[in-house]
Amino acid sequence: RYAAVVAATMAVVGTLVFARDGRSEAAPEARAAAAQSVPARLAQQPAAGQAASQEDFRWTGRLARGQQIEIQGIVGDVRAEIASGDQVEVVGRRSGEDADRVRIEVVETRNGVIVCAIYPTRGEWRGNRGTGSHRGQDSCHNEDNDHNNDGDHDGGEIDAEDARVDFTVRVPAGVKFASRTVAGDVSATGLRSAVDVATVSGEVRVSTTGTARAATVSGDVTATFGETDGEEMEFASVSGDVILRLAGDVNAEVSAHTLSGDIQSDFDLRMKGEDEDDDDGFHIQIGSEATGRIGRGGPELSVNTVSGNIRLERVR
């Protein structure tokens, strides 16, 4: 059981940075509307010699309802909040000694827009030197870099701690939000659409009236959501607590697992005991496990942590 739970959790972790979940395409009319509105305004790149802490990036544009704005970062926090109008706005603030070597790329896809922080290194931290807007790709365009294209640097690897990009995103109601980063907190609060976020080292905080998915390796996950919309939902941490706050009308089949923590729930879940007899004799269970149905049941709600507690709270 221990190996199975760890394997399942690490499978989630393995998707945090390098894999993308399949997502349904927007309807043809929605894609056509977005195609007319997505080519938005890209901020001019900072002038040479401008202080790294002042190198800001800004992108604004309209996306159709059901399309998605996604942020892919490496080092830095990502914060999303509800937009006051119908335009998506992405602001990136670069800081650190090597901040001028990090480019920000905009990728337009069938499902929306991806904004990528591109680091000029090889191996684990890889990225191209391109900048601007690209069409027809499903993710950031990555490639190994064997030489320098800037002229002012030696082209070697940079220390990621000396170059970070913090993003602030304003998301209109009905536009999905997603984020992937490695070292940084992710906060998506007050949204009115589906949210799918993950980080490797950082805290994750989500609140939305739509569906939600969230994961981290090192940190806590706290999520409040009000719909299930027939889609499976996953919340996971390796070293941290997972706290979910659910509206009373949420319908889901719950499966919760922790290896070294407790499970608490305002909902009627069936807790498996530490000791139990079965047909194969005496059985010792490692960790805690709970299953149950919320409301009428329906889509699977999976909650996992290795070293942490799980709490399911009813929003009143």
C-alpha atoms as a PDB file:
ATOM      1  CA  ARG A   1       0.000   0.000   0.000  1.00  0.00           C
ATOM      2  CA  TYR A   2       2.885   2.336   0.858  1.00  0.00           C
ATOM      3  CA  ALA A   3       4.547   1.742  -2.520  1.00  0.00           C
ATOM      4  CA  ALA A   4       1.264   2.167  -4.364  1.00  0.00           C
ATOM      5  CA  VAL A   5       0.462   5.491  -2.731  1.00  0.00           C
ATOM      6  CA  VAL A   6       3.995   6.843  -3.219  1.00  0.00           C
ATOM      7  CA  ALA A   7       3.974   5.742  -6.858  1.00  0.00           C
ATOM      8  CA  ALA A   8       0.629   7.426  -7.430  1.00  0.00           C
ATOM      9  CA  THR A   9       1.799  10.629  -5.772  1.00  0.00           C
ATOM     10  CA  MET A  10       5.070  10.745  -7.698  1.00  0.00           C
ATOM     11  CA  ALA A  11       3.123  10.190 -10.910  1.00  0.00           C
ATOM     12  CA  VAL A  12       1.284  13.409 -10.116  1.00  0.00           C
ATOM     13  CA  VAL A  13       4.580  15.118  -9.295  1.00  0.00           C
ATOM     14  CA  GLY A  14       6.054  13.970 -12.585  1.00  0.00           C
ATOM     15  CA  THR A  15       3.431  15.926 -14.472  1.00  0.00           C
ATOM     16  CA  LEU A  16       3.973  19.206 -12.652  1.00  0.00           C
ATOM     17  CA  VAL A  17       6.525  20.716 -15.011  1.00  0.00           C
ATOM     18  CA  PHE A  18       7.041  18.600 -18.080  1.00  0.00           C
ATOM     19  CA  ALA A  19       3.607  17.188 -18.969  1.00  0.00           C
ATOM     20  CA  ARG A  20       0.386  18.842 -20.027  1.00  0.00           C
ATOM     21  CA  ASP A  21      -3.058  17.396 -19.536  1.00  0.00           C
ATOM     22  CA  GLY A  22      -5.230  16.978 -22.585  1.00  0.00           C
ATOM     23  CA  ARG A  23      -7.915  19.607 -22.695  1.00  0.00           C
ATOM     24  CA  SER A  24     -11.026  19.788 -24.841  1.00  0.00           C
ATOM     25  CA  GLU A  25     -10.886  22.182 -27.753  1.00  0.00           C
ATOM     26  CA  ALA A  26     -13.088  25.228 -27.878  1.00  0.00           C
ATOM     27  CA  ALA A  27     -16.041  25.088 -30.212  1.00  0.00           C
ATOM     28  CA  PRO A  28     -15.241  26.214 -33.796  1.00  0.00           C
ATOM     29  CA  GLU A  29     -17.115  29.475 -33.335  1.00  0.00           C
ATOM     30  CA  ALA A  30     -15.206  30.147 -30.078  1.00  0.00           C
ATOM     31  CA  ARG A  31     -11.873  29.436 -31.769  1.00  0.00           C
ATOM     32  CA  ALA A  32     -12.811  31.739 -34.633  1.00  0.00           C
ATOM     33  CA  ALA A  33     -13.737  34.528 -32.219  1.00  0.00           C
ATOM     34  CA  ALA A  34     -10.495  34.056 -30.325  1.00  0.00           C
ATOM     35  CA  ALA A  35      -8.456  34.033 -33.523  1.00  0.00           C
ATOM     36  CA  GLN A  36      -9.699  37.538 -34.217  1.00  0.00           C
ATOM     37  CA  SER A  37      -8.963  38.828 -30.717  1.00  0.00           C
ATOM     38  CA  VAL A  38      -5.863  36.971 -29.459  1.00  0.00           C
ATOM     39  CA  PRO A  39      -3.178  38.897 -31.420  1.00  0.00           C
ATOM     40  CA  ALA A  40      -2.930  41.521 -28.722  1.00  0.00           C
ATOM     41  CA  ARG A  41      -0.354  44.034 -27.603  1.00  0.00           C
ATOM     42  CA  LEU A  42       3.131  42.949 -26.604  1.00  0.00           C
ATOM     43  CA  ALA A  43       5.085  45.363 -24.459  1.00  0.00           C
ATOM     44  CA  GLN A  44       8.349  46.634 -25.864  1.00  0.00           C
ATOM     45  CA  GLN A  45      11.398  44.899 -24.431  1.00  0.00           C
ATOM     46  CA  PRO A  46      13.370  47.080 -21.960  1.00  0.00           C
ATOM     47  CA  ALA A  47      16.164  49.172 -23.370  1.00  0.00           C
ATOM     48  CA  ALA A  48      19.706  47.879 -22.989  1.00  0.00           C
ATOM     49  CA  GLY A  49      21.185  48.855 -19.658  1.00  0.00           C
ATOM     50  CA  GLN A  50      17.839  49.273 -17.926  1.00  0.00           C
ATOM     51  CA  ALA A  51      17.918  47.986 -14.357  1.00  0.00           C
ATOM     52  CA  ALA A  52      16.904  44.325 -14.069  1.00  0.00           C
ATOM     53  CA  SER A  53      14.407  45.062 -11.311  1.00  0.00           C
ATOM     54  CA  GLN A  54      12.522  47.388 -13.694  1.00  0.00           C
ATOM     55  CA  GLU A  55      12.307  45.012 -16.667  1.00  0.00           C
ATOM     56  CA  ASP A  56       8.562  44.515 -16.894  1.00  0.00           C
ATOM     57  CA  PHE A  57       6.568  42.518 -19.441  1.00  0.00           C
ATOM     58  CA  ARG A  58       2.926  43.143 -20.259  1.00  0.00           C
ATOM     59  CA  TRP A  59       0.477  41.292 -22.498  1.00  0.00           C
ATOM     60  CA  THR A  60      -3.218  42.015 -22.909  1.00  0.00           C
ATOM     61  CA  GLY A  61      -5.826  40.375 -25.110  1.00  0.00           C
ATOM     62  CA  ARG A  62      -9.278  38.840 -25.291  1.00  0.00           C
ATOM     63  CA  LEU A  63      -9.971  35.127 -25.067  1.00  0.00           C
ATOM     64  CA  ALA A  64     -13.301  33.444 -25.673  1.00  0.00           C
ATOM     65  CA  ARG A  65     -15.137  31.838 -22.764  1.00  0.00           C
ATOM     66  CA  GLY A  66     -13.776  28.317 -22.267  1.00  0.00           C
ATOM     67  CA  GLN A  67     -10.336  29.181 -23.598  1.00  0.00           C
ATOM     68  CA  GLN A  68      -7.320  29.263 -21.311  1.00  0.00           C
ATOM     69  CA  ILE A  69      -4.498  31.553 -20.238  1.00  0.00           C
ATOM     70  CA  GLU A  70      -1.510  29.579 -18.949  1.00  0.00           C
ATOM     71  CA  ILE A  71       1.726  30.701 -17.266  1.00  0.00           C
ATOM     72  CA  GLN A  72       4.847  28.524 -17.478  1.00  0.00           C
ATOM     73  CA  GLY A  73       7.643  29.749 -15.228  1.00  0.00           C
ATOM     74  CA  ILE A  74      10.800  28.467 -13.571  1.00  0.00           C
ATOM     75  CA  VAL A  75      11.642  30.756 -10.631  1.00  0.00           C
ATOM     76  CA  GLY A  76       9.116  33.232  -9.297  1.00  0.00           C
ATOM     77  CA  ASP A  77       5.608  33.521  -7.890  1.00  0.00           C
ATOM     78  CA  VAL A  78       2.426  33.457  -9.959  1.00  0.00           C
ATOM     79  CA  ARG A  79      -0.637  35.369  -8.782  1.00  0.00           C
ATOM     80  CA  ALA A  80      -3.982  35.359 -10.574  1.00  0.00           C
ATOM     81  CA  GLU A  81      -7.037  37.453  -9.748  1.00  0.00           C
ATOM     82  CA  ILE A  82     -10.359  38.259 -11.354  1.00  0.00           C
ATOM     83  CA  ALA A  83     -10.296  40.887 -14.114  1.00  0.00           C
ATOM     84  CA  SER A  84     -12.604  43.875 -13.950  1.00  0.00           C
ATOM     85  CA  GLY A  85     -13.339  43.694 -17.682  1.00  0.00           C
ATOM     86  CA  ASP A  86     -13.249  41.185 -20.529  1.00  0.00           C
ATOM     87  CA  GLN A  87      -9.510  41.317 -21.257  1.00  0.00           C
ATOM     88  CA  VAL A  88      -6.774  39.029 -19.972  1.00  0.00           C
ATOM     89  CA  GLU A  89      -3.777  40.920 -18.630  1.00  0.00           C
ATOM     90  CA  VAL A  90      -0.384  39.360 -17.842  1.00  0.00           C
ATOM     91  CA  VAL A  91       2.345  41.386 -16.127  1.00  0.00           C
ATOM     92  CA  GLY A  92       5.806  39.905 -15.547  1.00  0.00           C
ATOM     93  CA  ARG A  93       8.408  41.538 -13.333  1.00  0.00           C
ATOM     94  CA  ARG A  94      11.974  40.301 -13.739  1.00  0.00           C
ATOM     95  CA  SER A  95      14.556  40.674 -10.967  1.00  0.00           C
ATOM     96  CA  GLY A  96      18.054  39.446 -10.151  1.00  0.00           C
ATOM     97  CA  GLU A  97      21.552  39.856 -11.538  1.00  0.00           C
ATOM     98  CA  ASP A  98      20.832  37.719 -14.606  1.00  0.00           C
ATOM     99  CA  ALA A  99      17.260  38.881 -15.155  1.00  0.00           C
ATOM    100  CA  ASP A 100      18.119  40.486 -18.494  1.00  0.00           C
ATOM    101  CA  ARG A 101      18.954  37.022 -19.867  1.00  0.00           C
ATOM    102  CA  VAL A 102      15.460  35.665 -19.254  1.00  0.00           C
ATOM    103  CA  ARG A 103      13.049  36.147 -22.154  1.00  0.00           C
ATOM    104  CA  ILE A 104       9.283  35.936 -21.999  1.00  0.00           C
ATOM    105  CA  GLU A 105       7.575  34.248 -24.925  1.00  0.00           C
ATOM    106  CA  VAL A 106       3.901  34.229 -25.916  1.00  0.00           C
ATOM    107  CA  VAL A 107       2.555  31.083 -27.573  1.00  0.00           C
ATOM    108  CA  GLU A 108      -0.904  31.110 -29.162  1.00  0.00           C
ATOM    109  CA  THR A 109      -2.638  27.718 -29.318  1.00  0.00           C
ATOM    110  CA  ARG A 110      -6.007  26.357 -30.365  1.00  0.00           C
ATOM    111  CA  ASN A 111      -7.083  26.488 -26.729  1.00  0.00           C
ATOM    112  CA  GLY A 112      -5.791  29.919 -25.765  1.00  0.00           C
ATOM    113  CA  VAL A 113      -2.466  31.540 -24.886  1.00  0.00           C
ATOM    114  CA  ILE A 114       0.644  30.362 -23.004  1.00  0.00           C
ATOM    115  CA  VAL A 115       3.135  32.835 -21.531  1.00  0.00           C
ATOM    116  CA  CYS A 116       6.562  31.292 -20.959  1.00  0.00           C
ATOM    117  CA  ALA A 117       9.658  32.352 -19.031  1.00  0.00           C
ATOM    118  CA  ILE A 118      12.612  31.164 -21.137  1.00  0.00           C
ATOM    119  CA  TYR A 119      15.965  30.599 -19.417  1.00  0.00           C
ATOM    120  CA  PRO A 120      19.128  30.484 -21.624  1.00  0.00           C
ATOM    121  CA  THR A 121      20.593  27.226 -20.373  1.00  0.00           C
ATOM    122  CA  ARG A 122      21.022  23.618 -21.298  1.00  0.00           C
ATOM    123  CA  GLY A 123      20.001  20.421 -19.573  1.00  0.00           C
ATOM    124  CA  GLU A 124      17.461  20.687 -16.797  1.00  0.00           C
ATOM    125  CA  TRP A 125      16.869  24.430 -17.304  1.00  0.00           C
ATOM    126  CA  ARG A 126      16.410  24.803 -21.030  1.00  0.00           C
ATOM    127  CA  GLY A 127      14.808  27.292 -23.304  1.00  0.00           C
ATOM    128  CA  ASN A 128      15.234  29.091 -26.589  1.00  0.00           C
ATOM    129  CA  ARG A 129      16.279  32.678 -27.045  1.00  0.00           C
ATOM    130  CA  GLY A 130      13.166  33.621 -28.950  1.00  0.00           C
ATOM    131  CA  THR A 131      10.829  36.365 -28.009  1.00  0.00           C
ATOM    132  CA  GLY A 132       7.509  37.449 -29.358  1.00  0.00           C
ATOM    133  CA  SER A 133       4.323  35.714 -30.388  1.00  0.00           C
ATOM    134  CA  HIS A 134       4.033  32.285 -32.024  1.00  0.00           C
ATOM    135  CA  ARG A 135       1.063  30.355 -33.364  1.00  0.00           C
ATOM    136  CA  GLY A 136       0.157  26.710 -33.657  1.00  0.00           C
ATOM    137  CA  GLN A 137       2.215  25.280 -30.775  1.00  0.00           C
ATOM    138  CA  ASP A 138       0.826  23.489 -27.723  1.00  0.00           C
ATOM    139  CA  SER A 139       3.513  24.558 -25.232  1.00  0.00           C
ATOM    140  CA  CYS A 140       6.642  26.646 -24.833  1.00  0.00           C
ATOM    141  CA  HIS A 141       9.176  26.030 -27.600  1.00  0.00           C
ATOM    142  CA  ASN A 142      12.234  24.562 -25.844  1.00  0.00           C
ATOM    143  CA  GLU A 143      15.615  23.589 -27.200  1.00  0.00           C
ATOM    144  CA  ASP A 144      19.166  23.158 -25.882  1.00  0.00           C
ATOM    145  CA  ASN A 145      21.425  26.170 -26.178  1.00  0.00           C
ATOM    146  CA  ASP A 146      25.059  25.601 -27.059  1.00  0.00           C
ATOM    147  CA  HIS A 147      25.992  29.188 -27.715  1.00  0.00           C
ATOM    148  CA  ASN A 148      25.125  32.696 -26.673  1.00  0.00           C
ATOM    149  CA  ASN A 149      22.954  34.983 -28.756  1.00  0.00           C
ATOM    150  CA  ASP A 150      23.133  38.097 -26.625  1.00  0.00           C
ATOM    151  CA  GLY A 151      26.722  39.158 -27.157  1.00  0.00           C
ATOM    152  CA  ASP A 152      27.005  40.554 -23.636  1.00  0.00           C
ATOM    153  CA  HIS A 153      27.243  37.208 -21.895  1.00  0.00           C
ATOM    154  CA  ASP A 154      29.360  34.094 -22.195  1.00  0.00           C
ATOM    155  CA  GLY A 155      26.416  31.815 -23.047  1.00  0.00           C
ATOM    156  CA  GLY A 156      26.985  29.528 -20.050  1.00  0.00           C
ATOM    157  CA  GLU A 157      24.350  28.376 -17.648  1.00  0.00           C
ATOM    158  CA  ILE A 158      22.943  30.965 -15.274  1.00  0.00           C
ATOM    159  CA  ASP A 159      22.073  30.474 -11.644  1.00  0.00           C
ATOM    160  CA  ALA A 160      18.290  30.351 -11.526  1.00  0.00           C
ATOM    161  CA  GLU A 161      18.359  32.047  -8.127  1.00  0.00           C
ATOM    162  CA  ASP A 162      19.835  35.144  -9.786  1.00  0.00           C
ATOM    163  CA  ALA A 163      16.987  35.476 -12.265  1.00  0.00           C
ATOM    164  CA  ARG A 164      13.324  35.312 -11.370  1.00  0.00           C
ATOM    165  CA  VAL A 165      10.092  36.352 -13.008  1.00  0.00           C
ATOM    166  CA  ASP A 166       7.018  37.073 -10.898  1.00  0.00           C
ATOM    167  CA  PHE A 167       3.728  37.056 -12.815  1.00  0.00           C
ATOM    168  CA  THR A 168       0.451  38.789 -12.055  1.00  0.00           C
ATOM    169  CA  VAL A 169      -2.512  37.679 -14.187  1.00  0.00           C
ATOM    170  CA  ARG A 170      -5.986  39.183 -14.385  1.00  0.00           C
ATOM    171  CA  VAL A 171      -8.479  36.621 -15.641  1.00  0.00           C
ATOM    172  CA  PRO A 172     -12.016  37.446 -16.880  1.00  0.00           C
ATOM    173  CA  ALA A 173     -14.941  35.280 -15.784  1.00  0.00           C
ATOM    174  CA  GLY A 174     -15.270  32.184 -17.971  1.00  0.00           C
ATOM    175  CA  VAL A 175     -11.616  32.104 -19.068  1.00  0.00           C
ATOM    176  CA  LYS A 176      -9.699  29.132 -17.669  1.00  0.00           C
ATOM    177  CA  PHE A 177      -6.456  29.678 -15.778  1.00  0.00           C
ATOM    178  CA  ALA A 178      -3.465  27.322 -15.581  1.00  0.00           C
ATOM    179  CA  SER A 179       0.055  27.717 -14.228  1.00  0.00           C
ATOM    180  CA  ARG A 180       3.211  25.615 -13.995  1.00  0.00           C
ATOM    181  CA  THR A 181       6.320  26.768 -12.153  1.00  0.00           C
ATOM    182  CA  VAL A 182       9.265  25.166 -10.360  1.00  0.00           C
ATOM    183  CA  ALA A 183      10.316  27.444  -7.486  1.00  0.00           C
ATOM    184  CA  GLY A 184       7.594  29.810  -6.361  1.00  0.00           C
ATOM    185  CA  ASP A 185       4.158  30.150  -4.797  1.00  0.00           C
ATOM    186  CA  VAL A 186       1.007  30.010  -6.912  1.00  0.00           C
ATOM    187  CA  SER A 187      -2.070  31.979  -5.882  1.00  0.00           C
ATOM    188  CA  ALA A 188      -5.299  32.007  -7.917  1.00  0.00           C
ATOM    189  CA  THR A 189      -8.017  33.611  -5.838  1.00  0.00           C
ATOM    190  CA  GLY A 190     -11.462  35.021  -6.481  1.00  0.00           C
ATOM    191  CA  LEU A 191     -11.695  33.473  -9.973  1.00  0.00           C
ATOM    192  CA  ARG A 192     -14.878  32.460 -11.817  1.00  0.00           C
ATOM    193  CA  SER A 193     -13.629  29.666 -14.033  1.00  0.00           C
ATOM    194  CA  ALA A 194     -11.695  26.391 -14.013  1.00  0.00           C
ATOM    195  CA  VAL A 195      -8.248  26.490 -12.373  1.00  0.00           C
ATOM    196  CA  ASP A 196      -5.360  24.014 -12.896  1.00  0.00           C
ATOM    197  CA  VAL A 197      -2.098  24.961 -11.148  1.00  0.00           C
ATOM    198  CA  ALA A 198       1.095  23.326  -9.901  1.00  0.00           C
ATOM    199  CA  THR A 199       4.502  24.131  -8.463  1.00  0.00           C
ATOM    200  CA  VAL A 200       7.424  22.043  -7.245  1.00  0.00           C
ATOM    201  CA  SER A 201       8.660  24.170  -4.337  1.00  0.00           C
ATOM    202  CA  GLY A 202       6.006  26.522  -3.010  1.00  0.00           C
ATOM    203  CA  GLU A 203       2.560  27.010  -1.541  1.00  0.00           C
ATOM    204  CA  VAL A 204      -0.596  26.738  -3.654  1.00  0.00           C
ATOM    205  CA  ARG A 205      -3.754  28.723  -2.864  1.00  0.00           C
ATOM    206  CA  VAL A 206      -6.887  28.541  -5.025  1.00  0.00           C
ATOM    207  CA  SER A 207     -10.401  29.906  -4.761  1.00  0.00           C
ATOM    208  CA  THR A 208     -12.879  29.808  -7.631  1.00  0.00           C
ATOM    209  CA  THR A 209     -16.536  29.260  -8.370  1.00  0.00           C
ATOM    210  CA  GLY A 210     -15.497  26.732 -11.014  1.00  0.00           C
ATOM    211  CA  THR A 211     -13.571  23.467 -10.899  1.00  0.00           C
ATOM    212  CA  ALA A 212     -10.030  23.234  -9.549  1.00  0.00           C
ATOM    213  CA  ARG A 213      -6.895  21.084  -9.653  1.00  0.00           C
ATOM    214  CA  ALA A 214      -3.739  21.880  -7.679  1.00  0.00           C
ATOM    215  CA  ALA A 215      -0.461  20.204  -6.725  1.00  0.00           C
ATOM    216  CA  THR A 216       2.911  20.896  -5.142  1.00  0.00           C
ATOM    217  CA  VAL A 217       5.881  18.827  -4.024  1.00  0.00           C
ATOM    218  CA  SER A 218       7.086  20.937  -1.099  1.00  0.00           C
ATOM    219  CA  GLY A 219       4.325  23.068   0.402  1.00  0.00           C
ATOM    220  CA  ASP A 220       0.663  23.183   1.378  1.00  0.00           C
ATOM    221  CA  VAL A 221      -2.329  23.145  -0.953  1.00  0.00           C
ATOM    222  CA  THR A 222      -5.405  25.160   0.048  1.00  0.00           C
ATOM    223  CA  ALA A 223      -8.335  25.223  -2.357  1.00  0.00           C
ATOM    224  CA  THR A 224     -11.924  26.485  -2.331  1.00  0.00           C
ATOM    225  CA  PHE A 225     -14.200  25.626  -5.243  1.00  0.00           C
ATOM    226  CA  GLY A 226     -17.878  25.447  -6.026  1.00  0.00           C
ATOM    227  CA  GLU A 227     -18.350  23.156  -9.038  1.00  0.00           C
ATOM    228  CA  THR A 228     -17.276  19.757 -10.298  1.00  0.00           C
ATOM    229  CA  ASP A 229     -18.628  20.060 -13.849  1.00  0.00           C
ATOM    230  CA  GLY A 230     -18.254  16.322 -14.450  1.00  0.00           C
ATOM    231  CA  GLU A 231     -14.434  16.512 -14.515  1.00  0.00           C
ATOM    232  CA  GLU A 232     -12.017  14.586 -12.302  1.00  0.00           C
ATOM    233  CA  MET A 233     -10.190  16.750  -9.773  1.00  0.00           C
ATOM    234  CA  GLU A 234      -6.807  16.113  -8.156  1.00  0.00           C
ATOM    235  CA  PHE A 235      -5.108  17.802  -5.215  1.00  0.00           C
ATOM    236  CA  ALA A 236      -1.695  16.590  -4.109  1.00  0.00           C
ATOM    237  CA  SER A 237       1.353  17.425  -2.024  1.00  0.00           C
ATOM    238  CA  VAL A 238       4.390  15.378  -1.092  1.00  0.00           C
ATOM    239  CA  SER A 239       5.519  17.429   1.918  1.00  0.00           C
ATOM    240  CA  GLY A 240       2.562  19.495   3.077  1.00  0.00           C
ATOM    241  CA  ASP A 241      -1.087  19.610   4.098  1.00  0.00           C
ATOM    242  CA  VAL A 242      -4.014  19.558   1.670  1.00  0.00           C
ATOM    243  CA  ILE A 243      -7.025  21.616   2.784  1.00  0.00           C
ATOM    244  CA  LEU A 244     -10.160  21.690   0.623  1.00  0.00           C
ATOM    245  CA  ARG A 245     -13.178  23.906   1.204  1.00  0.00           C
ATOM    246  CA  LEU A 246     -16.205  22.718  -0.771  1.00  0.00           C
ATOM    247  CA  ALA A 247     -19.586  24.291  -1.327  1.00  0.00           C
ATOM    248  CA  GLY A 248     -22.551  22.328  -0.061  1.00  0.00           C
ATOM    249  CA  ASP A 249     -23.819  21.551  -3.566  1.00  0.00           C
ATOM    250  CA  VAL A 250     -20.588  19.894  -4.774  1.00  0.00           C
ATOM    251  CA  ASN A 251     -21.101  16.337  -6.049  1.00  0.00           C
ATOM    252  CA  ALA A 252     -18.111  13.971  -6.121  1.00  0.00           C
ATOM    253  CA  GLU A 253     -16.694  10.568  -5.243  1.00  0.00           C
ATOM    254  CA  VAL A 254     -13.866  11.199  -2.765  1.00  0.00           C
ATOM    255  CA  SER A 255     -10.637   9.237  -2.399  1.00  0.00           C
ATOM    256  CA  ALA A 256      -8.154  10.571   0.184  1.00  0.00           C
ATOM    257  CA  HIS A 257      -4.748   9.143   1.172  1.00  0.00           C
ATOM    258  CA  THR A 258      -1.969  10.238   3.501  1.00  0.00           C
ATOM    259  CA  LEU A 259       1.054   8.279   4.725  1.00  0.00           C
ATOM    260  CA  SER A 260       2.012  10.243   7.832  1.00  0.00           C
ATOM    261  CA  GLY A 261      -0.916  12.441   8.708  1.00  0.00           C
ATOM    262  CA  ASP A 262      -4.560  12.626   9.694  1.00  0.00           C
ATOM    263  CA  ILE A 263      -7.743  12.957   7.654  1.00  0.00           C
ATOM    264  CA  GLN A 264     -10.538  15.206   8.899  1.00  0.00           C
ATOM    265  CA  SER A 265     -13.787  15.806   7.041  1.00  0.00           C
ATOM    266  CA  ASP A 266     -17.064  17.688   7.474  1.00  0.00           C
ATOM    267  CA  PHE A 267     -18.519  15.209   4.980  1.00  0.00           C
ATOM    268  CA  ASP A 268     -19.530  11.621   5.654  1.00  0.00           C
ATOM    269  CA  LEU A 269     -16.466   9.656   4.587  1.00  0.00           C
ATOM    270  CA  ARG A 270     -15.643   6.054   5.429  1.00  0.00           C
ATOM    271  CA  MET A 271     -12.318   5.869   7.259  1.00  0.00           C
ATOM    272  CA  LYS A 272     -10.316   2.684   7.009  1.00  0.00           C
ATOM    273  CA  GLY A 273      -8.984   1.583  10.395  1.00  0.00           C
ATOM    274  CA  GLU A 274      -5.356   1.036  11.313  1.00  0.00           C
ATOM    275  CA  ASP A 275      -5.958  -2.647  12.053  1.00  0.00           C
ATOM    276  CA  GLU A 276      -8.490  -4.911  10.443  1.00  0.00           C
ATOM    277  CA  ASP A 277      -9.052  -8.572   9.782  1.00  0.00           C
ATOM    278  CA  ASP A 278      -9.763  -9.913   6.331  1.00  0.00           C
ATOM    279  CA  ASP A 279      -9.824 -13.263   4.585  1.00  0.00           C
ATOM    280  CA  ASP A 280      -6.036 -13.252   4.323  1.00  0.00           C
ATOM    281  CA  GLY A 281      -5.490 -12.808   8.064  1.00  0.00           C
ATOM    282  CA  PHE A 282      -4.294  -9.881  10.137  1.00  0.00           C
ATOM    283  CA  HIS A 283      -3.587  -6.722   8.130  1.00  0.00           C
ATOM    284  CA  ILE A 284      -1.615  -3.613   9.146  1.00  0.00           C
ATOM    285  CA  GLN A 285      -2.333  -0.458   7.185  1.00  0.00           C
ATOM    286  CA  ILE A 286       0.298   2.237   6.771  1.00  0.00           C
ATOM    287  CA  GLY A 287      -1.096   5.746   6.791  1.00  0.00           C
ATOM    288  CA  SER A 288      -4.716   6.834   6.557  1.00  0.00           C
ATOM    289  CA  GLU A 289      -7.290   6.373   3.828  1.00  0.00           C
ATOM    290  CA  ALA A 290     -10.851   7.569   3.409  1.00  0.00           C
ATOM    291  CA  THR A 291     -13.460   7.190   0.706  1.00  0.00           C
ATOM    292  CA  GLY A 292     -17.004   8.403   0.326  1.00  0.00           C
ATOM    293  CA  ARG A 293     -19.613  10.258  -1.648  1.00  0.00           C
ATOM    294  CA  ILE A 294     -20.356  13.966  -1.467  1.00  0.00           C
ATOM    295  CA  GLY A 295     -23.836  14.953  -2.581  1.00  0.00           C
ATOM    296  CA  ARG A 296     -25.008  12.767  -5.464  1.00  0.00           C
ATOM    297  CA  GLY A 297     -21.497  11.537  -6.244  1.00  0.00           C
ATOM    298  CA  GLY A 298     -20.153  11.772  -9.772  1.00  0.00           C
ATOM    299  CA  PRO A 299     -16.620  12.789 -10.815  1.00  0.00           C
ATOM    300  CA  GLU A 300     -13.642  11.540  -8.802  1.00  0.00           C
ATOM    301  CA  LEU A 301     -12.101  13.884  -6.255  1.00  0.00           C
ATOM    302  CA  SER A 302      -8.600  12.596  -5.442  1.00  0.00           C
ATOM    303  CA  VAL A 303      -6.676  14.021  -2.458  1.00  0.00           C
ATOM    304  CA  ASN A 304      -3.151  12.799  -1.685  1.00  0.00           C
ATOM    305  CA  THR A 305      -0.228  13.756   0.513  1.00  0.00           C
ATOM    306  CA  VAL A 306       2.785  11.802   1.708  1.00  0.00           C
ATOM    307  CA  SER A 307       3.844  13.852   4.738  1.00  0.00           C
ATOM    308  CA  GLY A 308       0.917  15.982   5.801  1.00  0.00           C
ATOM    309  CA  ASN A 309      -2.700  16.166   6.892  1.00  0.00           C
ATOM    310  CA  ILE A 310      -5.873  16.244   4.804  1.00  0.00           C
ATOM    311  CA  ARG A 311      -8.899  18.328   5.750  1.00  0.00           C
ATOM    312  CA  LEU A 312     -12.201  18.627   3.875  1.00  0.00           C
ATOM    313  CA  GLU A 313     -14.358  21.523   5.039  1.00  0.00           C
ATOM    314  CA  ARG A 314     -17.888  22.463   4.086  1.00  0.00           C
ATOM    315  CA  VAL A 315     -18.302  26.103   3.014  1.00  0.00           C
ATOM    316  CA  ARG A 316     -21.349  27.446   4.839  1.00  0.00           C
END
